[in-house]
N, C-alpha and C. Protein backbone atom coordinates (compact mmCIF):
# COMPACT_ATOMS: atom_id res chain seq x y z
N MET A 1 -19.83 8.60 -35.87
CA MET A 1 -20.19 7.71 -36.59
C MET A 1 -19.55 6.10 -36.39
N ILE A 2 -18.24 5.98 -36.49
CA ILE A 2 -17.58 4.98 -35.87
C ILE A 2 -17.98 4.65 -34.45
N LEU A 3 -18.08 5.36 -33.65
CA LEU A 3 -18.50 4.99 -32.21
C LEU A 3 -19.78 4.33 -32.36
N ASN A 4 -20.72 5.00 -33.17
CA ASN A 4 -22.24 4.21 -33.02
C ASN A 4 -22.06 3.05 -33.63
N LEU A 5 -21.44 2.82 -34.77
CA LEU A 5 -21.12 1.49 -35.30
C LEU A 5 -20.64 0.59 -34.37
N ILE A 6 -19.58 0.75 -33.62
CA ILE A 6 -18.87 -0.16 -32.74
C ILE A 6 -19.90 -0.34 -31.49
N GLN A 7 -20.81 0.84 -30.95
CA GLN A 7 -21.77 0.47 -30.01
C GLN A 7 -22.74 -0.48 -30.41
N GLU A 8 -23.19 -0.52 -31.62
CA GLU A 8 -24.20 -1.45 -32.16
C GLU A 8 -23.68 -2.63 -32.30
N TYR A 9 -22.48 -2.98 -32.56
CA TYR A 9 -21.89 -4.23 -32.83
C TYR A 9 -21.80 -4.96 -31.36
N LEU A 10 -21.35 -4.08 -30.33
CA LEU A 10 -21.20 -4.56 -28.88
C LEU A 10 -22.64 -4.74 -28.25
N ARG A 11 -23.63 -3.88 -28.71
CA ARG A 11 -25.00 -4.16 -28.09
C ARG A 11 -25.54 -5.71 -28.54
N GLN A 12 -25.14 -6.06 -29.84
CA GLN A 12 -25.48 -7.11 -30.29
C GLN A 12 -24.73 -8.40 -29.38
N LYS A 13 -23.65 -8.06 -29.08
CA LYS A 13 -22.90 -9.13 -28.31
C LYS A 13 -23.53 -9.26 -27.02
N THR A 14 -24.00 -7.95 -26.17
CA THR A 14 -24.64 -8.03 -24.79
C THR A 14 -25.83 -8.78 -25.14
N VAL A 15 -26.61 -8.98 -26.14
CA VAL A 15 -27.83 -9.71 -26.21
C VAL A 15 -27.44 -11.35 -26.06
N ILE A 16 -26.47 -11.53 -26.51
CA ILE A 16 -25.95 -13.18 -26.47
C ILE A 16 -25.60 -13.18 -24.91
N ILE A 17 -25.08 -12.53 -24.36
CA ILE A 17 -24.76 -12.66 -22.94
C ILE A 17 -25.90 -12.68 -22.07
N ASN A 18 -26.80 -11.64 -22.34
CA ASN A 18 -27.91 -11.47 -21.53
C ASN A 18 -28.96 -12.62 -21.59
N ALA A 19 -28.94 -13.36 -22.76
CA ALA A 19 -29.75 -14.19 -23.14
C ALA A 19 -29.42 -15.67 -22.18
N SER A 20 -28.17 -15.65 -21.77
CA SER A 20 -27.52 -16.82 -21.17
C SER A 20 -28.13 -16.83 -19.74
N PHE A 21 -28.38 -15.65 -19.09
CA PHE A 21 -28.99 -15.67 -17.79
C PHE A 21 -30.25 -15.21 -17.75
N ASP A 22 -31.38 -16.05 -17.83
CA ASP A 22 -32.86 -15.60 -17.76
C ASP A 22 -32.98 -14.84 -16.36
N GLY A 23 -33.40 -13.51 -16.56
CA GLY A 23 -33.99 -12.77 -15.50
C GLY A 23 -32.75 -12.45 -14.53
N GLY A 24 -31.31 -12.72 -14.77
CA GLY A 24 -30.56 -12.30 -13.90
C GLY A 24 -29.88 -10.90 -13.97
N ILE A 25 -28.78 -10.38 -13.71
CA ILE A 25 -28.27 -9.57 -13.84
C ILE A 25 -27.89 -9.27 -15.35
N ALA A 26 -28.11 -8.07 -15.80
CA ALA A 26 -28.16 -7.85 -17.28
C ALA A 26 -27.17 -6.86 -17.57
N LEU A 27 -26.31 -7.15 -18.63
CA LEU A 27 -25.27 -5.86 -19.12
C LEU A 27 -26.13 -4.80 -19.60
N LYS A 28 -25.71 -3.87 -19.53
CA LYS A 28 -26.56 -2.49 -19.81
C LYS A 28 -25.33 -1.27 -20.43
N GLN A 29 -25.43 -0.91 -21.36
CA GLN A 29 -24.54 0.13 -21.70
C GLN A 29 -24.77 1.53 -21.35
N ILE A 30 -23.88 2.17 -20.55
CA ILE A 30 -24.33 3.74 -20.29
C ILE A 30 -24.33 4.51 -21.43
N VAL A 31 -25.37 5.18 -21.81
CA VAL A 31 -25.59 5.98 -22.87
C VAL A 31 -25.69 7.47 -22.51
N THR A 32 -25.75 7.83 -21.36
CA THR A 32 -26.23 9.30 -20.95
C THR A 32 -25.25 10.04 -19.83
N GLU A 33 -24.84 8.87 -18.97
CA GLU A 33 -24.04 9.36 -17.82
C GLU A 33 -22.64 8.97 -17.82
N VAL A 34 -21.59 9.75 -17.57
CA VAL A 34 -20.44 9.33 -17.28
C VAL A 34 -20.02 9.72 -15.55
N ASP A 35 -21.02 10.25 -14.95
CA ASP A 35 -20.63 10.54 -13.42
C ASP A 35 -21.23 9.54 -12.67
N MET A 36 -20.11 8.77 -12.13
CA MET A 36 -20.28 7.61 -11.33
C MET A 36 -21.62 7.86 -10.30
N ASP A 37 -21.74 8.92 -9.61
CA ASP A 37 -22.77 9.17 -8.57
C ASP A 37 -23.85 8.96 -9.40
N LEU A 38 -24.26 9.27 -10.79
CA LEU A 38 -25.40 9.26 -11.29
C LEU A 38 -25.88 7.91 -11.76
N ILE A 39 -24.93 6.97 -11.78
CA ILE A 39 -25.18 5.72 -12.26
C ILE A 39 -25.97 4.85 -11.02
N GLY A 40 -26.95 4.27 -11.27
CA GLY A 40 -27.80 3.58 -10.08
C GLY A 40 -26.80 2.58 -9.41
N ALA A 41 -27.10 2.43 -8.13
CA ALA A 41 -26.32 1.56 -7.41
C ALA A 41 -26.70 0.20 -7.28
N SER A 42 -27.69 -0.02 -8.34
CA SER A 42 -28.44 -1.37 -8.26
C SER A 42 -27.51 -2.48 -8.89
N GLU A 43 -27.41 -3.59 -8.21
CA GLU A 43 -26.78 -4.74 -8.64
C GLU A 43 -27.60 -5.61 -9.67
N SER A 44 -28.61 -5.01 -10.36
CA SER A 44 -29.51 -5.77 -11.20
C SER A 44 -29.04 -5.22 -12.58
N PHE A 45 -28.05 -4.37 -12.80
CA PHE A 45 -27.20 -4.46 -14.01
C PHE A 45 -25.81 -4.11 -13.91
N ILE A 46 -25.22 -4.57 -14.98
CA ILE A 46 -23.78 -4.41 -15.05
C ILE A 46 -23.42 -3.27 -15.88
N HIS A 47 -23.11 -2.25 -15.56
CA HIS A 47 -22.95 -1.08 -16.57
C HIS A 47 -21.70 -1.07 -17.43
N TYR A 48 -21.52 -0.83 -18.73
CA TYR A 48 -20.52 -0.39 -19.17
C TYR A 48 -20.31 0.66 -20.13
N GLN A 49 -19.36 1.10 -20.47
CA GLN A 49 -19.13 2.24 -21.31
C GLN A 49 -18.04 2.12 -22.33
N THR A 50 -18.23 2.48 -23.62
CA THR A 50 -17.21 2.27 -24.70
C THR A 50 -16.42 3.29 -25.11
N TYR A 51 -15.41 3.42 -25.20
CA TYR A 51 -14.30 4.43 -25.40
C TYR A 51 -13.31 4.08 -26.66
N ILE A 52 -13.17 5.07 -27.63
CA ILE A 52 -12.20 4.59 -28.75
C ILE A 52 -10.78 5.28 -28.13
N THR A 53 -10.08 4.59 -27.90
CA THR A 53 -8.73 5.19 -27.42
C THR A 53 -7.62 5.72 -28.52
N ASP A 54 -7.60 5.17 -29.64
CA ASP A 54 -7.10 5.82 -30.84
C ASP A 54 -7.33 5.15 -32.02
N ILE A 55 -7.32 5.91 -33.02
CA ILE A 55 -7.48 5.23 -34.57
C ILE A 55 -6.09 5.58 -35.39
N GLU A 56 -5.71 4.47 -36.06
CA GLU A 56 -4.46 4.77 -36.94
C GLU A 56 -4.50 4.18 -38.36
N ASN A 57 -3.87 4.58 -39.16
CA ASN A 57 -3.99 3.90 -40.64
C ASN A 57 -2.96 2.87 -40.32
N ILE A 58 -3.31 1.79 -40.97
CA ILE A 58 -2.77 0.45 -40.96
C ILE A 58 -1.47 0.52 -41.86
N PRO A 59 -0.21 0.38 -41.32
CA PRO A 59 0.93 0.50 -42.16
C PRO A 59 1.13 -0.72 -43.50
N GLY A 60 1.32 -0.01 -44.46
CA GLY A 60 1.37 -0.91 -45.65
C GLY A 60 0.11 -0.95 -46.26
N GLU A 61 -1.11 -0.65 -45.86
CA GLU A 61 -2.43 -0.77 -46.51
C GLU A 61 -2.68 0.56 -47.04
N SER A 62 -3.96 0.47 -47.83
CA SER A 62 -4.54 1.58 -48.38
C SER A 62 -4.95 2.77 -47.02
N TYR A 63 -4.98 3.93 -47.39
CA TYR A 63 -5.41 4.79 -46.24
C TYR A 63 -6.72 4.56 -45.90
N LYS A 64 -7.69 3.61 -46.58
CA LYS A 64 -9.17 3.51 -45.99
C LYS A 64 -9.02 2.54 -45.10
N TYR A 65 -8.04 1.67 -44.78
CA TYR A 65 -8.06 0.63 -43.72
C TYR A 65 -7.49 1.20 -42.52
N LYS A 66 -7.94 1.12 -41.25
CA LYS A 66 -7.56 1.55 -40.10
C LYS A 66 -7.89 0.51 -38.92
N ASN A 67 -6.93 0.75 -37.96
CA ASN A 67 -7.00 0.07 -36.56
C ASN A 67 -7.73 1.03 -35.74
N VAL A 68 -8.82 0.49 -35.03
CA VAL A 68 -9.32 1.47 -34.05
C VAL A 68 -9.34 0.67 -32.63
N ASN A 69 -8.76 1.21 -31.92
CA ASN A 69 -8.36 0.58 -30.34
C ASN A 69 -9.54 0.99 -29.36
N VAL A 70 -10.17 0.15 -28.99
CA VAL A 70 -11.34 0.26 -28.19
C VAL A 70 -11.16 -0.26 -26.85
N SER A 71 -11.80 0.50 -25.73
CA SER A 71 -11.72 0.13 -24.38
C SER A 71 -13.22 0.03 -23.99
N LEU A 72 -13.40 -1.02 -23.25
CA LEU A 72 -14.80 -1.33 -22.97
C LEU A 72 -14.52 -1.49 -21.31
N GLU A 73 -15.17 -0.40 -20.73
CA GLU A 73 -14.96 -0.34 -19.13
C GLU A 73 -16.30 -0.62 -18.62
N PHE A 74 -16.19 -1.73 -17.84
CA PHE A 74 -17.26 -2.23 -16.76
C PHE A 74 -17.34 -1.34 -15.51
N ILE A 75 -18.66 -1.03 -15.01
CA ILE A 75 -18.79 -0.29 -13.79
C ILE A 75 -19.87 -1.31 -13.09
N ILE A 76 -19.45 -1.96 -12.01
CA ILE A 76 -20.30 -2.81 -11.36
C ILE A 76 -20.18 -2.68 -10.04
N HIS A 77 -21.37 -2.47 -9.35
CA HIS A 77 -21.69 -2.05 -7.96
C HIS A 77 -21.30 -3.19 -7.14
N VAL A 78 -20.29 -3.23 -6.15
CA VAL A 78 -20.12 -4.39 -5.36
C VAL A 78 -19.83 -3.75 -4.19
N ALA A 79 -21.07 -4.02 -3.22
CA ALA A 79 -20.54 -3.50 -1.80
C ALA A 79 -19.51 -4.06 -0.85
N ASN A 80 -18.76 -3.27 -0.45
CA ASN A 80 -17.87 -3.85 0.40
C ASN A 80 -16.73 -4.77 -0.38
N LYS A 81 -16.76 -4.63 -1.54
CA LYS A 81 -15.68 -5.45 -2.32
C LYS A 81 -16.17 -7.03 -1.91
N ASN A 82 -17.28 -7.37 -1.97
CA ASN A 82 -17.54 -8.72 -1.77
C ASN A 82 -17.08 -9.64 -2.74
N TYR A 83 -16.06 -10.35 -2.39
CA TYR A 83 -15.37 -11.42 -3.43
C TYR A 83 -16.21 -12.16 -4.03
N THR A 84 -17.37 -13.05 -3.39
CA THR A 84 -18.15 -13.66 -4.05
C THR A 84 -18.92 -13.06 -5.37
N VAL A 85 -19.17 -11.85 -5.03
CA VAL A 85 -19.88 -10.99 -6.22
C VAL A 85 -18.94 -10.89 -7.24
N TYR A 86 -17.55 -10.38 -6.90
CA TYR A 86 -16.38 -10.15 -7.80
C TYR A 86 -16.55 -11.54 -8.49
N LYS A 87 -16.13 -12.67 -8.18
CA LYS A 87 -15.91 -13.84 -8.58
C LYS A 87 -17.04 -14.12 -9.64
N LYS A 88 -18.41 -14.13 -9.31
CA LYS A 88 -19.50 -14.39 -9.99
C LYS A 88 -19.46 -13.42 -11.38
N VAL A 89 -19.17 -12.05 -10.97
CA VAL A 89 -19.56 -11.27 -12.13
C VAL A 89 -18.28 -11.38 -13.07
N PHE A 90 -16.89 -11.63 -12.40
CA PHE A 90 -16.10 -11.71 -13.45
C PHE A 90 -16.18 -13.01 -14.33
N ASP A 91 -16.50 -14.06 -14.04
CA ASP A 91 -16.67 -15.19 -14.75
C ASP A 91 -17.87 -15.24 -15.84
N ARG A 92 -18.92 -14.79 -14.97
CA ARG A 92 -20.16 -14.66 -15.92
C ARG A 92 -20.43 -13.54 -16.92
N TYR A 93 -19.55 -12.40 -16.68
CA TYR A 93 -19.96 -11.42 -17.57
C TYR A 93 -18.55 -10.87 -18.25
N VAL A 94 -17.57 -10.52 -17.42
CA VAL A 94 -16.63 -9.83 -17.90
C VAL A 94 -15.75 -11.05 -18.95
N PHE A 95 -15.27 -12.16 -18.33
CA PHE A 95 -14.74 -12.98 -19.00
C PHE A 95 -15.61 -13.66 -20.07
N ALA A 96 -16.70 -13.88 -20.03
CA ALA A 96 -17.62 -14.19 -21.14
C ALA A 96 -17.89 -13.23 -22.03
N PHE A 97 -17.99 -11.95 -21.74
CA PHE A 97 -17.96 -10.76 -22.94
C PHE A 97 -16.41 -11.13 -23.78
N MET A 98 -15.51 -11.32 -23.00
CA MET A 98 -14.05 -11.69 -23.79
C MET A 98 -14.38 -12.78 -24.88
N ARG A 99 -14.91 -13.79 -24.33
CA ARG A 99 -15.01 -15.03 -25.03
C ARG A 99 -15.91 -14.77 -26.39
N VAL A 100 -16.89 -14.08 -26.12
CA VAL A 100 -17.96 -13.71 -27.29
C VAL A 100 -17.29 -12.91 -28.13
N LEU A 101 -16.50 -11.91 -27.70
CA LEU A 101 -15.86 -11.10 -28.74
C LEU A 101 -14.71 -12.08 -29.55
N GLU A 102 -14.07 -12.83 -28.90
CA GLU A 102 -13.09 -13.74 -29.49
C GLU A 102 -13.71 -14.82 -30.60
N ARG A 103 -14.80 -15.07 -30.26
CA ARG A 103 -15.61 -16.09 -31.21
C ARG A 103 -16.16 -15.29 -32.51
N SER A 104 -16.06 -14.00 -32.25
CA SER A 104 -16.44 -13.13 -33.50
C SER A 104 -15.50 -13.31 -34.50
N LYS A 105 -14.39 -13.84 -34.30
CA LYS A 105 -13.13 -13.83 -35.45
C LYS A 105 -13.42 -15.16 -36.31
N ASN A 106 -14.26 -16.23 -35.92
CA ASN A 106 -14.60 -17.42 -36.75
C ASN A 106 -16.05 -17.65 -36.81
N PRO A 107 -16.39 -17.57 -38.27
CA PRO A 107 -15.75 -17.33 -39.36
C PRO A 107 -15.47 -15.72 -39.21
N LEU A 108 -14.65 -15.41 -40.18
CA LEU A 108 -14.42 -14.22 -40.37
C LEU A 108 -15.13 -12.97 -40.18
N MET A 109 -14.96 -12.30 -39.34
CA MET A 109 -15.99 -11.31 -38.69
C MET A 109 -15.99 -10.12 -40.02
N THR A 110 -17.35 -9.89 -40.24
CA THR A 110 -17.76 -8.58 -40.85
C THR A 110 -18.81 -7.98 -40.28
N PHE A 111 -19.08 -6.67 -40.24
CA PHE A 111 -20.13 -6.26 -39.51
C PHE A 111 -20.47 -4.48 -40.20
N SER A 112 -21.43 -4.46 -40.44
CA SER A 112 -22.00 -3.02 -40.92
C SER A 112 -23.45 -2.78 -40.64
N ASP A 113 -23.79 -1.54 -40.60
CA ASP A 113 -25.15 -1.21 -40.36
C ASP A 113 -25.30 0.25 -41.41
N ASN A 114 -26.22 -0.14 -42.10
CA ASN A 114 -26.29 0.99 -43.39
C ASN A 114 -27.19 2.18 -42.63
N ASP A 115 -27.94 1.80 -41.58
CA ASP A 115 -28.70 3.10 -40.78
C ASP A 115 -27.63 3.82 -40.24
N ILE A 116 -26.48 3.56 -39.73
CA ILE A 116 -25.31 4.24 -39.25
C ILE A 116 -24.39 4.78 -40.14
N SER A 117 -24.06 4.02 -41.01
CA SER A 117 -22.83 4.35 -42.17
C SER A 117 -22.92 3.23 -43.30
N SER A 118 -23.03 3.90 -44.58
CA SER A 118 -22.74 3.07 -45.66
C SER A 118 -21.21 2.72 -45.99
N GLY A 119 -20.40 3.52 -45.37
CA GLY A 119 -19.10 3.53 -45.84
C GLY A 119 -18.11 3.03 -44.95
N LEU A 120 -18.73 2.32 -43.70
CA LEU A 120 -17.79 2.01 -42.62
C LEU A 120 -17.97 0.21 -42.55
N LEU A 121 -17.19 -0.52 -42.58
CA LEU A 121 -17.35 -1.90 -42.49
C LEU A 121 -16.22 -2.33 -41.29
N LEU A 122 -16.54 -3.04 -40.33
CA LEU A 122 -15.82 -3.72 -39.38
C LEU A 122 -15.44 -4.97 -39.91
N LEU A 123 -14.01 -5.39 -40.01
CA LEU A 123 -13.62 -6.35 -40.80
C LEU A 123 -12.92 -7.35 -39.84
N ASP A 124 -12.49 -7.13 -38.66
CA ASP A 124 -11.59 -8.11 -37.91
C ASP A 124 -11.62 -7.51 -36.31
N ILE A 125 -11.37 -8.67 -35.38
CA ILE A 125 -11.34 -7.97 -34.11
C ILE A 125 -9.80 -8.68 -33.90
N GLN A 126 -9.02 -8.02 -33.09
CA GLN A 126 -7.82 -8.53 -32.67
C GLN A 126 -7.28 -8.02 -31.14
N ASN A 127 -6.20 -8.83 -30.71
CA ASN A 127 -5.94 -8.33 -29.35
C ASN A 127 -7.01 -8.16 -28.29
N VAL A 128 -7.94 -9.13 -28.21
CA VAL A 128 -8.82 -8.86 -27.01
C VAL A 128 -8.03 -9.33 -25.85
N LYS A 129 -8.13 -8.62 -24.62
CA LYS A 129 -7.53 -8.84 -23.54
C LYS A 129 -8.26 -8.10 -22.33
N ILE A 130 -8.35 -8.56 -21.31
CA ILE A 130 -8.90 -8.08 -20.06
C ILE A 130 -7.58 -7.51 -19.42
N VAL A 131 -8.04 -6.12 -18.99
CA VAL A 131 -7.05 -5.47 -18.24
C VAL A 131 -7.90 -4.97 -16.76
N ASN A 132 -6.96 -4.64 -16.02
CA ASN A 132 -7.54 -3.96 -14.81
C ASN A 132 -8.52 -4.94 -13.86
N ALA A 133 -8.28 -6.25 -14.09
CA ALA A 133 -9.16 -7.07 -13.78
C ALA A 133 -9.21 -7.08 -12.07
N ASP A 134 -8.32 -6.48 -11.44
CA ASP A 134 -8.34 -6.41 -10.00
C ASP A 134 -8.62 -4.93 -9.52
N ARG A 135 -9.21 -4.00 -10.27
CA ARG A 135 -9.51 -2.53 -10.16
C ARG A 135 -10.82 -2.39 -9.47
N PHE A 136 -10.69 -2.12 -8.17
CA PHE A 136 -11.83 -1.66 -7.07
C PHE A 136 -11.75 -0.10 -6.86
N GLU A 137 -12.86 0.63 -7.07
CA GLU A 137 -12.89 2.09 -6.89
C GLU A 137 -13.88 2.38 -5.88
N ASP A 138 -13.82 2.75 -4.67
CA ASP A 138 -14.91 2.72 -3.74
C ASP A 138 -15.75 1.59 -3.86
N GLU A 139 -16.87 1.53 -4.18
CA GLU A 139 -17.92 0.50 -3.97
C GLU A 139 -18.23 -0.02 -5.52
N HIS A 140 -17.33 0.14 -6.51
CA HIS A 140 -17.35 -0.29 -7.82
C HIS A 140 -16.25 -1.02 -8.32
N TYR A 141 -16.54 -2.12 -8.84
CA TYR A 141 -15.41 -2.96 -9.72
C TYR A 141 -15.62 -2.58 -11.07
N LYS A 142 -14.25 -2.20 -11.38
CA LYS A 142 -14.08 -1.66 -12.88
C LYS A 142 -12.93 -2.26 -13.80
N PRO A 143 -13.27 -3.54 -14.23
CA PRO A 143 -12.38 -4.16 -14.97
C PRO A 143 -12.66 -3.75 -16.55
N THR A 144 -11.70 -3.94 -17.42
CA THR A 144 -11.87 -3.35 -18.73
C THR A 144 -11.09 -4.48 -19.72
N ILE A 145 -12.07 -4.46 -20.88
CA ILE A 145 -11.76 -5.07 -22.10
C ILE A 145 -10.93 -4.32 -22.92
N ASN A 146 -9.93 -4.46 -23.78
CA ASN A 146 -9.50 -3.96 -24.73
C ASN A 146 -9.48 -4.67 -25.80
N PHE A 147 -9.38 -4.03 -27.13
CA PHE A 147 -9.38 -4.78 -28.36
C PHE A 147 -9.28 -3.68 -29.52
N THR A 148 -8.85 -4.52 -30.56
CA THR A 148 -8.44 -3.61 -31.63
C THR A 148 -9.40 -4.21 -32.80
N LEU A 149 -10.14 -3.30 -33.64
CA LEU A 149 -10.97 -3.59 -34.83
C LEU A 149 -10.19 -2.96 -35.79
N LYS A 150 -10.30 -3.75 -36.88
CA LYS A 150 -9.76 -3.33 -38.19
C LYS A 150 -11.17 -2.82 -39.07
N ILE A 151 -11.00 -1.57 -39.61
CA ILE A 151 -12.14 -1.15 -40.23
C ILE A 151 -11.78 -0.68 -41.68
N ASN A 152 -12.60 -0.75 -42.68
CA ASN A 152 -12.66 -0.35 -43.94
C ASN A 152 -13.48 0.95 -43.99
N ASP A 153 -12.94 2.10 -44.19
CA ASP A 153 -13.64 3.31 -44.40
C ASP A 153 -13.71 3.66 -45.94
N ASN A 154 -14.75 3.16 -46.41
CA ASN A 154 -14.89 3.56 -47.81
C ASN A 154 -15.14 4.91 -48.35
N MET A 155 -15.56 5.65 -47.37
CA MET A 155 -16.04 7.16 -47.67
C MET A 155 -14.81 7.77 -47.60
N ASN A 156 -13.61 7.36 -47.23
CA ASN A 156 -12.41 8.28 -47.16
C ASN A 156 -12.01 8.37 -48.54
N THR A 157 -12.34 7.62 -49.57
CA THR A 157 -11.94 7.83 -51.06
C THR A 157 -12.86 8.75 -51.68
N SER A 158 -14.02 9.48 -51.13
CA SER A 158 -14.46 10.35 -51.59
C SER A 158 -14.28 11.64 -50.97
N ASN A 159 -14.91 12.96 -51.54
CA ASN A 159 -14.75 14.11 -50.85
C ASN A 159 -15.77 14.47 -49.81
N ASN A 160 -16.57 13.35 -49.29
CA ASN A 160 -17.66 13.74 -48.46
C ASN A 160 -17.08 13.76 -47.05
N ILE A 161 -17.53 14.64 -46.12
CA ILE A 161 -17.34 14.74 -44.86
C ILE A 161 -18.35 13.67 -44.13
N LEU A 162 -17.69 12.89 -43.21
CA LEU A 162 -18.53 12.08 -42.40
C LEU A 162 -19.52 12.93 -41.65
N LYS A 163 -20.83 12.69 -41.56
CA LYS A 163 -21.82 13.34 -40.68
C LYS A 163 -22.20 12.44 -39.52
N SER A 164 -22.26 13.00 -38.29
CA SER A 164 -22.55 12.50 -37.00
C SER A 164 -23.87 13.16 -36.44
N ASP A 165 -24.36 12.41 -35.68
CA ASP A 165 -25.61 13.09 -34.99
C ASP A 165 -25.00 14.46 -34.13
N SER A 166 -25.89 15.38 -33.93
CA SER A 166 -25.41 16.84 -33.35
C SER A 166 -25.42 16.55 -32.10
N ILE A 167 -24.44 17.34 -31.34
CA ILE A 167 -24.10 17.20 -30.02
C ILE A 167 -25.32 17.79 -28.94
């Protein structure tokens, strides 16, 4: 449920970036495959995958407030480590995504989606940073954006167990 909410939040951010480049390469979330060989080698998409690396209670706060550390891993097909493609992709998409996330802080960010959960609210984004900006694996460029989301988990005050889609 929390992953779905974060993915919806990020999907809305990709719409902003994709709208900036009419008909160009588009950001596209990987939703079904984690095997690199099954992701298309097309340069018409920049694929990304979202991972929650850890969740912790915020010290000194009520147990319904948590920090969720998120890793946004990009997977970009770049034949022969072509530096001009790397430079264009980094500036237009990876750095742009970081800037869009940072701008979410002003005015104070709040995000929820009652179709996903009525008990979860994203309150703030912190520590946005690009890591692995020089990581190439085979014919893929794989930079990562890490950030922390502060969430309010209102359902934590009830006896209800969070329900998620079946696997």
